[in-house]
Amino acid sequence: MPSEPKCFGGACLPPLSMEEIYAIALEIWPDPTLAAEMAATAKAESDGIPNRLGDAGEYGLWQIHPMHFDPNDPGFVGNDPHLNSLNKQGIIDDEGQSLSDPRINARAADSVARRLDWYTGHRAEGDLDMDTVFYARRDNPDFGIFLEQAKALIKVPRGGTDDPKQYYNQPSQYGERPQT
């Protein structure tokens, strides 16, 4: 029998449905195919539990590792003069922004997957380092099932095309996307 998950704040919040996770993913990744992949990734990483804690202290839906935000973590990226923590990027702060918030966690996942903590530049849209960053994509045997569930939510956008490139350089609420 699997053990009960650990969660930030003690009690676990109810898991989000694939539909809820996909809707949040679309806010950050407007390409429906990429949003579906990221929604499946979140489900594989955390079972959809927004305040899930991983074995190494990872937080939230996309299981953001403490090295990206915790100055007490031995691998803290902020100790390197060439890296910026999620705090420096303004994704989280010391005023109560929480990686348990699914939207903040999604922004953090995008940053980590794109290596936006590197000061040298951004990865191009669609050039995410997902298999290296999100272990559950390769380690969770249910990832394929989650991906099929998420892909089933994709609707052909207005205009009749399902070409993901039409989404790549669309502005997001977090600023302009890097040009490809």
C-alpha atoms as a PDB file:
ATOM      1  CA  MET A   1       0.000   0.000   0.000  1.00  0.00           C
ATOM      2  CA  PRO A   2       1.474   3.390  -0.979  1.00  0.00           C
ATOM      3  CA  SER A   3       2.311   5.759   1.845  1.00  0.00           C
ATOM      4  CA  GLU A   4       0.359   8.953   2.376  1.00  0.00           C
ATOM      5  CA  PRO A   5       1.888  11.970   0.643  1.00  0.00           C
ATOM      6  CA  LYS A   6       3.631  14.661   2.668  1.00  0.00           C
ATOM      7  CA  CYS A   7       2.255  18.148   2.243  1.00  0.00           C
ATOM      8  CA  PHE A   8       3.327  21.678   3.127  1.00  0.00           C
ATOM      9  CA  GLY A   9       1.311  22.928   6.089  1.00  0.00           C
ATOM     10  CA  GLY A  10       0.454  19.401   7.258  1.00  0.00           C
ATOM     11  CA  ALA A  11      -2.817  18.393   5.626  1.00  0.00           C
ATOM     12  CA  CYS A  12      -2.830  17.866   1.883  1.00  0.00           C
ATOM     13  CA  LEU A  13      -5.123  20.008  -0.204  1.00  0.00           C
ATOM     14  CA  PRO A  14      -7.527  18.109  -2.459  1.00  0.00           C
ATOM     15  CA  PRO A  15      -5.897  17.104  -5.741  1.00  0.00           C
ATOM     16  CA  LEU A  16      -6.709  19.208  -8.775  1.00  0.00           C
ATOM     17  CA  SER A  17      -8.328  17.498 -11.727  1.00  0.00           C
ATOM     18  CA  MET A  18      -6.495  17.201 -15.028  1.00  0.00           C
ATOM     19  CA  GLU A  19      -8.903  19.845 -16.402  1.00  0.00           C
ATOM     20  CA  GLU A  20      -7.942  22.283 -13.638  1.00  0.00           C
ATOM     21  CA  ILE A  21      -4.223  21.661 -14.090  1.00  0.00           C
ATOM     22  CA  TYR A  22      -4.508  22.002 -17.874  1.00  0.00           C
ATOM     23  CA  ALA A  23      -6.348  25.339 -17.505  1.00  0.00           C
ATOM     24  CA  ILE A  24      -3.537  26.640 -15.266  1.00  0.00           C
ATOM     25  CA  ALA A  25      -0.906  25.298 -17.667  1.00  0.00           C
ATOM     26  CA  LEU A  26      -2.548  27.154 -20.573  1.00  0.00           C
ATOM     27  CA  GLU A  27      -2.096  30.427 -18.673  1.00  0.00           C
ATOM     28  CA  ILE A  28       1.685  29.927 -18.680  1.00  0.00           C
ATOM     29  CA  TRP A  29       2.198  27.853 -21.835  1.00  0.00           C
ATOM     30  CA  PRO A  30      -0.295  29.025 -24.492  1.00  0.00           C
ATOM     31  CA  ASP A  31       0.689  26.215 -26.877  1.00  0.00           C
ATOM     32  CA  PRO A  32      -2.027  23.611 -26.130  1.00  0.00           C
ATOM     33  CA  THR A  33       0.324  20.680 -26.772  1.00  0.00           C
ATOM     34  CA  LEU A  34       2.960  22.074 -24.420  1.00  0.00           C
ATOM     35  CA  ALA A  35       0.278  22.914 -21.845  1.00  0.00           C
ATOM     36  CA  ALA A  36      -0.935  19.300 -22.054  1.00  0.00           C
ATOM     37  CA  GLU A  37       2.623  18.018 -21.527  1.00  0.00           C
ATOM     38  CA  MET A  38       3.091  20.324 -18.556  1.00  0.00           C
ATOM     39  CA  ALA A  39      -0.285  19.344 -17.075  1.00  0.00           C
ATOM     40  CA  ALA A  40       0.647  15.661 -17.376  1.00  0.00           C
ATOM     41  CA  THR A  41       4.024  16.465 -15.832  1.00  0.00           C
ATOM     42  CA  ALA A  42       2.352  18.129 -12.829  1.00  0.00           C
ATOM     43  CA  LYS A  43       0.049  15.147 -12.350  1.00  0.00           C
ATOM     44  CA  ALA A  44       3.035  12.769 -12.544  1.00  0.00           C
ATOM     45  CA  GLU A  45       5.113  14.898 -10.165  1.00  0.00           C
ATOM     46  CA  SER A  46       2.537  15.595  -7.445  1.00  0.00           C
ATOM     47  CA  ASP A  47      -0.635  13.610  -8.164  1.00  0.00           C
ATOM     48  CA  GLY A  48      -2.217  17.033  -8.651  1.00  0.00           C
ATOM     49  CA  ILE A  49      -1.836  17.975  -4.979  1.00  0.00           C
ATOM     50  CA  PRO A  50      -1.004  21.726  -4.883  1.00  0.00           C
ATOM     51  CA  ASN A  51       0.863  21.632  -1.559  1.00  0.00           C
ATOM     52  CA  ARG A  52       2.661  18.321  -2.092  1.00  0.00           C
ATOM     53  CA  LEU A  53       6.147  17.991  -0.588  1.00  0.00           C
ATOM     54  CA  GLY A  54       8.667  15.706  -2.255  1.00  0.00           C
ATOM     55  CA  ASP A  55      11.249  13.584  -0.487  1.00  0.00           C
ATOM     56  CA  ALA A  56      13.960  16.194  -1.117  1.00  0.00           C
ATOM     57  CA  GLY A  57      11.711  19.102  -0.078  1.00  0.00           C
ATOM     58  CA  GLU A  58      10.290  19.805  -3.543  1.00  0.00           C
ATOM     59  CA  TYR A  59       7.152  21.939  -3.509  1.00  0.00           C
ATOM     60  CA  GLY A  60       3.824  21.998  -5.266  1.00  0.00           C
ATOM     61  CA  LEU A  61       2.311  20.687  -8.475  1.00  0.00           C
ATOM     62  CA  TRP A  62       5.538  20.702 -10.478  1.00  0.00           C
ATOM     63  CA  GLN A  63       7.724  19.802  -7.449  1.00  0.00           C
ATOM     64  CA  ILE A  64      10.107  22.766  -7.482  1.00  0.00           C
ATOM     65  CA  HIS A  65      13.373  21.817  -5.774  1.00  0.00           C
ATOM     66  CA  PRO A  66      14.561  24.003  -2.858  1.00  0.00           C
ATOM     67  CA  MET A  67      17.830  24.765  -4.671  1.00  0.00           C
ATOM     68  CA  HIS A  68      15.845  27.308  -6.718  1.00  0.00           C
ATOM     69  CA  PHE A  69      14.563  29.321  -3.741  1.00  0.00           C
ATOM     70  CA  ASP A  70      15.988  28.262  -0.370  1.00  0.00           C
ATOM     71  CA  PRO A  71      19.279  29.960   0.637  1.00  0.00           C
ATOM     72  CA  ASN A  72      19.820  27.174   3.195  1.00  0.00           C
ATOM     73  CA  ASP A  73      19.863  24.481   0.498  1.00  0.00           C
ATOM     74  CA  PRO A  74      23.476  23.403  -0.230  1.00  0.00           C
ATOM     75  CA  GLY A  75      22.884  23.702  -3.980  1.00  0.00           C
ATOM     76  CA  PHE A  76      21.121  27.089  -3.793  1.00  0.00           C
ATOM     77  CA  VAL A  77      21.393  28.739  -7.205  1.00  0.00           C
ATOM     78  CA  GLY A  78      21.620  32.177  -5.585  1.00  0.00           C
ATOM     79  CA  ASN A  79      25.117  31.321  -4.302  1.00  0.00           C
ATOM     80  CA  ASP A  80      26.385  31.356  -7.886  1.00  0.00           C
ATOM     81  CA  PRO A  81      26.984  34.879  -9.254  1.00  0.00           C
ATOM     82  CA  HIS A  82      25.684  33.748 -12.656  1.00  0.00           C
ATOM     83  CA  LEU A  83      22.356  32.399 -11.413  1.00  0.00           C
ATOM     84  CA  ASN A  84      19.179  33.993 -10.129  1.00  0.00           C
ATOM     85  CA  SER A  85      16.901  32.313  -7.644  1.00  0.00           C
ATOM     86  CA  LEU A  86      13.140  32.331  -8.058  1.00  0.00           C
ATOM     87  CA  ASN A  87      13.174  35.073  -5.415  1.00  0.00           C
ATOM     88  CA  LYS A  88      15.456  37.296  -7.519  1.00  0.00           C
ATOM     89  CA  GLN A  89      13.256  36.702 -10.539  1.00  0.00           C
ATOM     90  CA  GLY A  90      10.238  37.956  -8.584  1.00  0.00           C
ATOM     91  CA  ILE A  91       8.345  34.673  -8.919  1.00  0.00           C
ATOM     92  CA  ILE A  92       8.275  34.182  -5.165  1.00  0.00           C
ATOM     93  CA  ASP A  93       9.154  36.558  -2.355  1.00  0.00           C
ATOM     94  CA  ASP A  94       9.474  36.653   1.397  1.00  0.00           C
ATOM     95  CA  GLU A  95       6.013  38.205   1.771  1.00  0.00           C
ATOM     96  CA  GLY A  96       4.042  34.990   1.623  1.00  0.00           C
ATOM     97  CA  GLN A  97       4.027  34.062  -2.055  1.00  0.00           C
ATOM     98  CA  SER A  98       3.814  30.321  -1.955  1.00  0.00           C
ATOM     99  CA  LEU A  99       4.860  27.575  -4.304  1.00  0.00           C
ATOM    100  CA  SER A 100       1.702  25.842  -3.074  1.00  0.00           C
ATOM    101  CA  ASP A 101      -0.214  28.327  -5.239  1.00  0.00           C
ATOM    102  CA  PRO A 102      -0.641  26.443  -8.543  1.00  0.00           C
ATOM    103  CA  ARG A 103      -0.091  29.537 -10.693  1.00  0.00           C
ATOM    104  CA  ILE A 104       3.081  30.572  -8.876  1.00  0.00           C
ATOM    105  CA  ASN A 105       4.304  26.982  -9.041  1.00  0.00           C
ATOM    106  CA  ALA A 106       3.614  26.930 -12.800  1.00  0.00           C
ATOM    107  CA  ARG A 107       5.646  30.128 -13.293  1.00  0.00           C
ATOM    108  CA  ALA A 108       8.461  28.581 -11.262  1.00  0.00           C
ATOM    109  CA  ALA A 109       8.276  25.376 -13.332  1.00  0.00           C
ATOM    110  CA  ASP A 110       8.519  27.409 -16.527  1.00  0.00           C
ATOM    111  CA  SER A 111      11.545  29.280 -15.197  1.00  0.00           C
ATOM    112  CA  VAL A 112      13.311  26.144 -14.021  1.00  0.00           C
ATOM    113  CA  ALA A 113      12.573  24.192 -17.215  1.00  0.00           C
ATOM    114  CA  ARG A 114      13.836  27.058 -19.363  1.00  0.00           C
ATOM    115  CA  ARG A 115      16.814  27.620 -17.108  1.00  0.00           C
ATOM    116  CA  LEU A 116      15.699  31.230 -16.723  1.00  0.00           C
ATOM    117  CA  ASP A 117      17.753  31.303 -13.570  1.00  0.00           C
ATOM    118  CA  TRP A 118      20.778  31.567 -15.890  1.00  0.00           C
ATOM    119  CA  TYR A 119      21.583  35.219 -16.467  1.00  0.00           C
ATOM    120  CA  THR A 120      22.945  34.491 -19.935  1.00  0.00           C
ATOM    121  CA  GLY A 121      19.554  34.294 -21.625  1.00  0.00           C
ATOM    122  CA  HIS A 122      16.360  32.377 -22.135  1.00  0.00           C
ATOM    123  CA  ARG A 123      15.713  29.072 -23.804  1.00  0.00           C
ATOM    124  CA  ALA A 124      13.511  29.472 -26.835  1.00  0.00           C
ATOM    125  CA  GLU A 125       9.805  28.751 -26.507  1.00  0.00           C
ATOM    126  CA  GLY A 126       9.286  25.055 -26.924  1.00  0.00           C
ATOM    127  CA  ASP A 127      12.908  24.313 -25.962  1.00  0.00           C
ATOM    128  CA  LEU A 128      12.222  23.199 -22.430  1.00  0.00           C
ATOM    129  CA  ASP A 129      14.562  20.896 -20.519  1.00  0.00           C
ATOM    130  CA  MET A 130      11.676  18.857 -19.160  1.00  0.00           C
ATOM    131  CA  ASP A 131      13.057  15.321 -18.905  1.00  0.00           C
ATOM    132  CA  THR A 132      16.104  16.510 -16.964  1.00  0.00           C
ATOM    133  CA  VAL A 133      14.160  18.825 -14.672  1.00  0.00           C
ATOM    134  CA  PHE A 134      10.983  16.807 -14.092  1.00  0.00           C
ATOM    135  CA  TYR A 135      11.995  13.277 -13.116  1.00  0.00           C
ATOM    136  CA  ALA A 136       8.431  11.979 -12.914  1.00  0.00           C
ATOM    137  CA  ARG A 137       8.130  12.325 -16.692  1.00  0.00           C
ATOM    138  CA  ARG A 138      10.496   9.381 -16.996  1.00  0.00           C
ATOM    139  CA  ASP A 139      10.072   7.714 -13.576  1.00  0.00           C
ATOM    140  CA  ASN A 140       6.297   7.706 -13.065  1.00  0.00           C
ATOM    141  CA  PRO A 141       4.832   4.748 -14.968  1.00  0.00           C
ATOM    142  CA  ASP A 142       1.527   6.613 -15.277  1.00  0.00           C
ATOM    143  CA  PHE A 143       2.986   9.607 -17.143  1.00  0.00           C
ATOM    144  CA  GLY A 144       1.782   8.253 -20.498  1.00  0.00           C
ATOM    145  CA  ILE A 145      -1.749   7.874 -19.141  1.00  0.00           C
ATOM    146  CA  PHE A 146      -1.676  11.415 -17.760  1.00  0.00           C
ATOM    147  CA  LEU A 147      -0.388  12.731 -21.077  1.00  0.00           C
ATOM    148  CA  GLU A 148      -3.233  11.070 -22.990  1.00  0.00           C
ATOM    149  CA  GLN A 149      -5.756  12.538 -20.504  1.00  0.00           C
ATOM    150  CA  ALA A 150      -4.271  15.995 -20.932  1.00  0.00           C
ATOM    151  CA  LYS A 151      -4.069  15.766 -24.729  1.00  0.00           C
ATOM    152  CA  ALA A 152      -7.745  14.819 -24.806  1.00  0.00           C
ATOM    153  CA  LEU A 153      -8.464  18.315 -23.439  1.00  0.00           C
ATOM    154  CA  ILE A 154      -6.882  20.075 -26.423  1.00  0.00           C
ATOM    155  CA  LYS A 155      -9.396  21.858 -28.584  1.00  0.00           C
ATOM    156  CA  VAL A 156      -8.715  23.171 -32.078  1.00  0.00           C
ATOM    157  CA  PRO A 157      -8.354  26.942 -31.582  1.00  0.00           C
ATOM    158  CA  ARG A 158     -10.386  29.587 -33.358  1.00  0.00           C
ATOM    159  CA  GLY A 159      -9.015  29.942 -36.833  1.00  0.00           C
ATOM    160  CA  GLY A 160      -9.073  26.187 -37.387  1.00  0.00           C
ATOM    161  CA  THR A 161      -5.391  25.353 -36.989  1.00  0.00           C
ATOM    162  CA  ASP A 162      -3.732  23.205 -34.382  1.00  0.00           C
ATOM    163  CA  ASP A 163      -0.229  24.374 -35.344  1.00  0.00           C
ATOM    164  CA  PRO A 164       1.523  25.039 -32.000  1.00  0.00           C
ATOM    165  CA  LYS A 165       3.949  27.536 -33.584  1.00  0.00           C
ATOM    166  CA  GLN A 166       1.111  30.069 -33.739  1.00  0.00           C
ATOM    167  CA  TYR A 167       1.327  30.303 -29.928  1.00  0.00           C
ATOM    168  CA  TYR A 168       5.093  30.551 -29.482  1.00  0.00           C
ATOM    169  CA  ASN A 169       5.616  34.288 -29.520  1.00  0.00           C
ATOM    170  CA  GLN A 170       2.305  35.396 -28.102  1.00  0.00           C
ATOM    171  CA  PRO A 171       2.709  37.768 -25.148  1.00  0.00           C
ATOM    172  CA  SER A 172       1.812  36.346 -21.777  1.00  0.00           C
ATOM    173  CA  GLN A 173       0.696  38.112 -18.638  1.00  0.00           C
ATOM    174  CA  TYR A 174       4.295  37.768 -17.455  1.00  0.00           C
ATOM    175  CA  GLY A 175       5.851  39.706 -20.326  1.00  0.00           C
ATOM    176  CA  GLU A 176       7.073  39.116 -23.825  1.00  0.00           C
ATOM    177  CA  ARG A 177       8.222  35.673 -24.827  1.00  0.00           C
ATOM    178  CA  PRO A 178      11.693  35.220 -26.272  1.00  0.00           C
ATOM    179  CA  GLN A 179      11.722  35.341 -30.067  1.00  0.00           C
ATOM    180  CA  THR A 180      12.525  32.087 -31.860  1.00  0.00           C
END
